[in-house]
Amino acid sequence: MHRAQLSLRVEEGEVRDQPRVTILLDGRDLDLLVEGSEFIGFDPDEILGEGAPLVPLEQPRRVAVYRCECGLPGCGVVAPQISREGDEIVWRDARDYTGVFDGPLAPAEDLGEGALLSLPELGFDAAQYLEEVQRATADRSWESERRVTARLLKDILLASEELCSAGYCLQWVGPWGQQPEAFNVVMLDPERVQVVVDVLAPAQEPPAWAAALAESLLSKDPAEWTLTFEGNYPWPEDD
């Protein structure tokens, strides 16, 4: 087992307002330890957000810590099994899965075998590891005004009853590419087909901006929304 010190660094991505978390092991990018790999880190709100993917649970769990360089975890991931063993946190049996993950956490327990990767078994001092994850989670200095606005917009939409009563399930909210005033709201429609709705409002302070964006979406009938994507198959029901 290789013993390493964990460092987490948020870096700018190729697309504006879409940073990623680079995982450093003894100061070296995790991707460099995987032979022949082309992987990048997840968005900080994913790998450091809900479910605390990097933090081990009572039982070992497989976590995608890096994704395909195209940005889609469905194309491939670096997914070790993460567990706590006394004073150590261990990553072992790292595997690559295609068409399985849509974020750091596995959608199901039965993932199949995957492809074994060359990443060695890693052991971390639990105290140092958890302190670094906590530090990186609390540090939101990377969050731009557009990202703050997207987060507030998501909170407003989750608290509203309009979308749910119309049969829509909110998945994700974020700034859209290089258009300063545009945001994407990603949802499952009443048939559980994924739709991406383009919403716009003039830039202003994040709370007011988020409120204006929410009004722009919720004041319209879904038939009037501007869709930038509509899936061609229904998503399976949640377990």
Protein backbone atom coordinates (compact mmCIF):
# COMPACT_ATOMS: atom_id res chain seq x y z
CA MET A 1 0.00 0.00 0.00
CA HIS A 2 1.25 3.46 -0.90
CA ARG A 3 0.74 6.00 1.90
CA ALA A 4 -0.01 9.51 0.70
CA GLN A 5 -1.02 12.98 1.87
CA LEU A 6 -4.21 14.34 0.35
CA SER A 7 -4.54 17.88 -1.05
CA LEU A 8 -7.57 19.27 -2.87
CA ARG A 9 -7.29 22.25 -5.22
CA VAL A 10 -10.10 23.97 -7.12
CA GLU A 11 -8.95 25.00 -10.60
CA GLU A 12 -10.59 26.80 -13.50
CA GLY A 13 -11.99 24.59 -16.22
CA GLU A 14 -12.08 25.19 -19.94
CA VAL A 15 -15.62 26.60 -19.66
CA ARG A 16 -16.35 29.75 -17.68
CA ASP A 17 -17.81 29.15 -14.20
CA GLN A 18 -17.19 25.41 -14.40
CA PRO A 19 -14.21 24.78 -12.10
CA ARG A 20 -13.01 21.33 -11.11
CA VAL A 21 -11.33 19.80 -8.09
CA THR A 22 -7.84 18.48 -8.72
CA ILE A 23 -6.84 15.73 -6.30
CA LEU A 24 -3.16 15.85 -5.32
CA LEU A 25 -1.41 12.91 -3.72
CA ASP A 26 1.87 14.05 -2.18
CA GLY A 27 1.57 17.06 -4.50
CA ARG A 28 1.09 14.99 -7.65
CA ASP A 29 -2.12 15.03 -9.72
CA LEU A 30 -4.08 11.81 -9.29
CA ASP A 31 -4.44 11.52 -13.07
CA LEU A 32 -0.67 11.11 -13.43
CA LEU A 33 -0.81 7.96 -11.30
CA VAL A 34 -3.26 6.22 -13.63
CA GLU A 35 -1.38 4.78 -16.57
CA GLY A 36 -2.67 5.95 -19.97
CA SER A 37 -5.53 7.91 -18.40
CA GLU A 38 -7.32 11.04 -19.55
CA PHE A 39 -9.41 12.05 -16.54
CA ILE A 40 -10.25 15.33 -14.79
CA GLY A 41 -11.77 16.29 -11.45
CA PHE A 42 -15.44 16.86 -10.70
CA ASP A 43 -17.14 20.19 -10.09
CA PRO A 44 -16.61 21.22 -6.43
CA ASP A 45 -20.35 21.21 -5.75
CA GLU A 46 -20.41 17.54 -6.78
CA ILE A 47 -17.30 16.03 -5.19
CA LEU A 48 -17.46 18.26 -2.08
CA GLY A 49 -21.22 18.66 -1.91
CA GLU A 50 -24.26 16.57 -1.05
CA GLY A 51 -23.44 13.14 0.28
CA ALA A 52 -19.79 14.09 1.01
CA PRO A 53 -18.50 11.56 -1.55
CA LEU A 54 -14.88 11.61 -0.36
CA VAL A 55 -15.82 10.87 3.26
CA PRO A 56 -15.98 7.13 4.05
CA LEU A 57 -19.10 5.59 5.57
CA GLU A 58 -19.35 2.68 7.99
CA GLN A 59 -19.31 0.32 5.04
CA PRO A 60 -16.91 0.68 2.09
CA ARG A 61 -18.39 2.40 -0.94
CA ARG A 62 -17.20 2.94 -4.49
CA VAL A 63 -16.82 6.61 -5.41
CA ALA A 64 -15.95 8.22 -8.74
CA VAL A 65 -13.23 10.70 -7.78
CA TYR A 66 -12.34 11.69 -11.37
CA ARG A 67 -14.35 11.67 -14.63
CA CYS A 68 -13.59 11.49 -18.34
CA GLU A 69 -11.80 14.57 -19.65
CA CYS A 70 -14.88 15.35 -21.79
CA GLY A 71 -16.67 16.18 -18.52
CA LEU A 72 -19.17 13.30 -18.64
CA PRO A 73 -18.75 10.63 -15.96
CA GLY A 74 -20.82 8.27 -18.09
CA CYS A 75 -17.88 8.09 -20.50
CA GLY A 76 -15.53 6.87 -17.79
CA VAL A 77 -14.36 7.43 -14.23
CA VAL A 78 -11.65 6.67 -11.71
CA ALA A 79 -13.71 4.92 -9.03
CA PRO A 80 -11.84 3.39 -6.09
CA GLN A 81 -13.53 1.73 -3.14
CA ILE A 82 -13.20 4.11 -0.18
CA SER A 83 -13.23 2.82 3.39
CA ARG A 84 -12.02 3.70 6.87
CA GLU A 85 -9.81 1.21 8.66
CA GLY A 86 -8.89 2.45 12.11
CA ASP A 87 -6.71 5.54 11.82
CA GLU A 88 -6.42 5.16 8.06
CA ILE A 89 -8.64 5.90 5.09
CA VAL A 90 -7.99 3.52 2.22
CA TRP A 91 -8.62 3.73 -1.51
CA ARG A 92 -8.35 0.36 -3.24
CA ASP A 93 -9.41 -1.52 -6.36
CA ALA A 94 -9.82 1.59 -8.55
CA ARG A 95 -11.93 0.81 -11.62
CA ASP A 96 -13.24 2.57 -14.71
CA TYR A 97 -16.97 2.28 -15.50
CA THR A 98 -18.76 3.31 -18.68
CA GLY A 99 -22.43 4.24 -18.70
CA VAL A 100 -22.77 3.80 -14.93
CA PHE A 101 -21.97 7.02 -13.03
CA ASP A 102 -23.61 10.39 -13.57
CA GLY A 103 -21.78 11.94 -10.60
CA PRO A 104 -19.34 10.89 -7.88
CA LEU A 105 -21.77 8.56 -6.13
CA ALA A 106 -22.96 5.33 -7.70
CA PRO A 107 -26.66 5.22 -8.62
CA ALA A 108 -26.90 1.53 -7.68
CA GLU A 109 -25.07 -1.04 -5.59
CA ASP A 110 -24.51 -3.48 -8.46
CA LEU A 111 -22.11 -1.69 -10.80
CA GLY A 112 -20.68 -4.66 -12.64
CA GLU A 113 -16.97 -5.37 -12.73
CA GLY A 114 -15.66 -2.29 -14.54
CA ALA A 115 -12.11 -2.11 -15.88
CA LEU A 116 -9.30 -2.35 -13.34
CA LEU A 117 -7.05 0.73 -13.34
CA SER A 118 -3.35 1.00 -12.54
CA LEU A 119 -3.89 3.30 -9.53
CA PRO A 120 -2.13 1.70 -6.56
CA GLU A 121 -3.84 0.99 -3.27
CA LEU A 122 -3.61 4.20 -1.24
CA GLY A 123 -3.61 4.78 2.50
CA PHE A 124 -4.16 8.18 4.12
CA ASP A 125 -3.86 9.37 7.70
CA ALA A 126 -7.55 9.74 8.58
CA ALA A 127 -7.15 12.96 10.57
CA GLN A 128 -5.18 14.75 7.82
CA TYR A 129 -7.50 13.44 5.09
CA LEU A 130 -10.74 14.50 6.80
CA GLU A 131 -9.30 17.89 7.77
CA GLU A 132 -8.38 18.54 4.14
CA VAL A 133 -11.81 17.53 2.87
CA GLN A 134 -13.46 19.77 5.49
CA ARG A 135 -11.19 22.69 4.57
CA ALA A 136 -11.90 22.36 0.85
CA THR A 137 -15.64 21.98 1.45
CA ALA A 138 -15.82 25.16 3.55
CA ASP A 139 -13.74 27.23 1.11
CA ARG A 140 -16.04 28.75 -1.50
CA SER A 141 -13.63 31.42 -2.71
CA TRP A 142 -13.90 29.86 -6.17
CA GLU A 143 -17.62 30.63 -6.42
CA SER A 144 -18.30 33.43 -8.94
CA GLU A 145 -21.37 35.67 -8.82
CA ARG A 146 -22.96 33.55 -11.53
CA ARG A 147 -22.39 30.39 -9.50
CA VAL A 148 -23.84 32.08 -6.39
CA THR A 149 -26.86 33.12 -8.47
CA ALA A 150 -27.28 29.56 -9.78
CA ARG A 151 -27.17 28.17 -6.23
CA LEU A 152 -29.79 30.68 -5.03
CA LEU A 153 -31.95 30.00 -8.07
CA LYS A 154 -31.87 26.28 -7.33
CA ASP A 155 -32.95 26.95 -3.73
CA ILE A 156 -35.90 29.05 -4.95
CA LEU A 157 -37.01 26.41 -7.43
CA LEU A 158 -36.72 23.60 -4.89
CA ALA A 159 -38.87 25.58 -2.46
CA SER A 160 -41.54 26.38 -5.05
CA GLU A 161 -44.55 24.16 -5.67
CA GLU A 162 -45.10 25.09 -9.32
CA LEU A 163 -42.59 22.72 -10.87
CA CYS A 164 -43.52 19.75 -8.72
CA SER A 165 -47.25 20.23 -9.24
CA ALA A 166 -46.63 20.34 -13.00
CA GLY A 167 -44.81 17.00 -12.79
CA TYR A 168 -41.23 18.28 -13.14
CA CYS A 169 -38.26 17.10 -11.05
CA LEU A 170 -35.36 19.55 -10.67
CA GLN A 171 -31.89 18.08 -11.22
CA TRP A 172 -29.36 20.87 -11.66
CA VAL A 173 -28.99 24.62 -12.20
CA GLY A 174 -25.94 26.39 -13.60
CA PRO A 175 -24.63 29.25 -15.72
CA TRP A 176 -24.81 28.56 -19.44
CA GLY A 177 -21.50 28.75 -21.26
CA GLN A 178 -20.22 32.19 -22.14
CA GLN A 179 -23.58 34.00 -22.23
CA PRO A 180 -23.42 36.22 -19.12
CA GLU A 181 -27.17 36.47 -18.57
CA ALA A 182 -28.12 32.88 -19.41
CA PHE A 183 -28.64 29.94 -17.06
CA ASN A 184 -29.65 26.33 -17.62
CA VAL A 185 -32.28 24.64 -15.49
CA VAL A 186 -32.10 20.85 -15.91
CA MET A 187 -35.19 18.83 -15.05
CA LEU A 188 -37.02 15.59 -15.69
CA ASP A 189 -40.37 16.30 -17.33
CA PRO A 190 -43.61 14.46 -16.40
CA GLU A 191 -42.53 11.55 -18.64
CA ARG A 192 -39.10 11.48 -16.90
CA VAL A 193 -37.37 12.72 -20.03
CA GLN A 194 -34.55 15.15 -19.30
CA VAL A 195 -35.04 18.72 -20.51
CA VAL A 196 -32.66 21.67 -20.30
CA VAL A 197 -34.46 25.02 -20.10
CA ASP A 198 -32.67 28.26 -21.01
CA VAL A 199 -33.62 31.15 -18.68
CA LEU A 200 -32.35 34.71 -18.90
CA ALA A 201 -32.53 37.88 -16.80
CA PRO A 202 -30.34 41.02 -16.68
CA ALA A 203 -27.29 40.68 -14.43
CA GLN A 204 -27.65 42.17 -10.93
CA GLU A 205 -26.83 41.23 -7.35
CA PRO A 206 -27.15 37.44 -6.92
CA PRO A 207 -30.30 37.38 -4.70
CA ALA A 208 -32.23 39.71 -7.02
CA TRP A 209 -30.83 38.00 -10.10
CA ALA A 210 -31.92 34.58 -8.86
CA ALA A 211 -35.40 35.88 -8.08
CA ALA A 212 -35.72 37.41 -11.56
CA LEU A 213 -34.58 34.17 -13.20
CA ALA A 214 -37.06 32.15 -11.15
CA GLU A 215 -39.86 34.52 -12.15
CA SER A 216 -38.83 34.21 -15.81
CA LEU A 217 -39.23 30.43 -15.60
CA LEU A 218 -42.19 30.02 -13.27
CA SER A 219 -44.35 32.72 -14.88
CA LYS A 220 -44.47 30.77 -18.17
CA ASP A 221 -46.32 27.66 -19.17
CA PRO A 222 -43.86 24.81 -19.80
CA ALA A 223 -44.89 24.87 -23.47
CA GLU A 224 -43.40 28.39 -23.67
CA TRP A 225 -39.99 27.46 -22.23
CA THR A 226 -36.91 27.67 -24.44
CA LEU A 227 -35.41 24.18 -24.49
CA THR A 228 -31.74 23.79 -25.37
CA PHE A 229 -31.93 20.00 -24.98
CA GLU A 230 -34.59 17.32 -24.72
CA GLY A 231 -33.63 13.71 -24.07
CA ASN A 232 -34.75 10.88 -26.31
CA TYR A 233 -35.45 8.32 -23.58
CA PRO A 234 -37.10 8.32 -20.12
CA TRP A 235 -34.94 8.07 -17.03
CA PRO A 236 -35.63 5.06 -14.77
CA GLU A 237 -37.65 5.57 -11.63
CA ASP A 238 -35.67 6.33 -8.50
CA ASP A 239 -35.18 3.44 -6.09
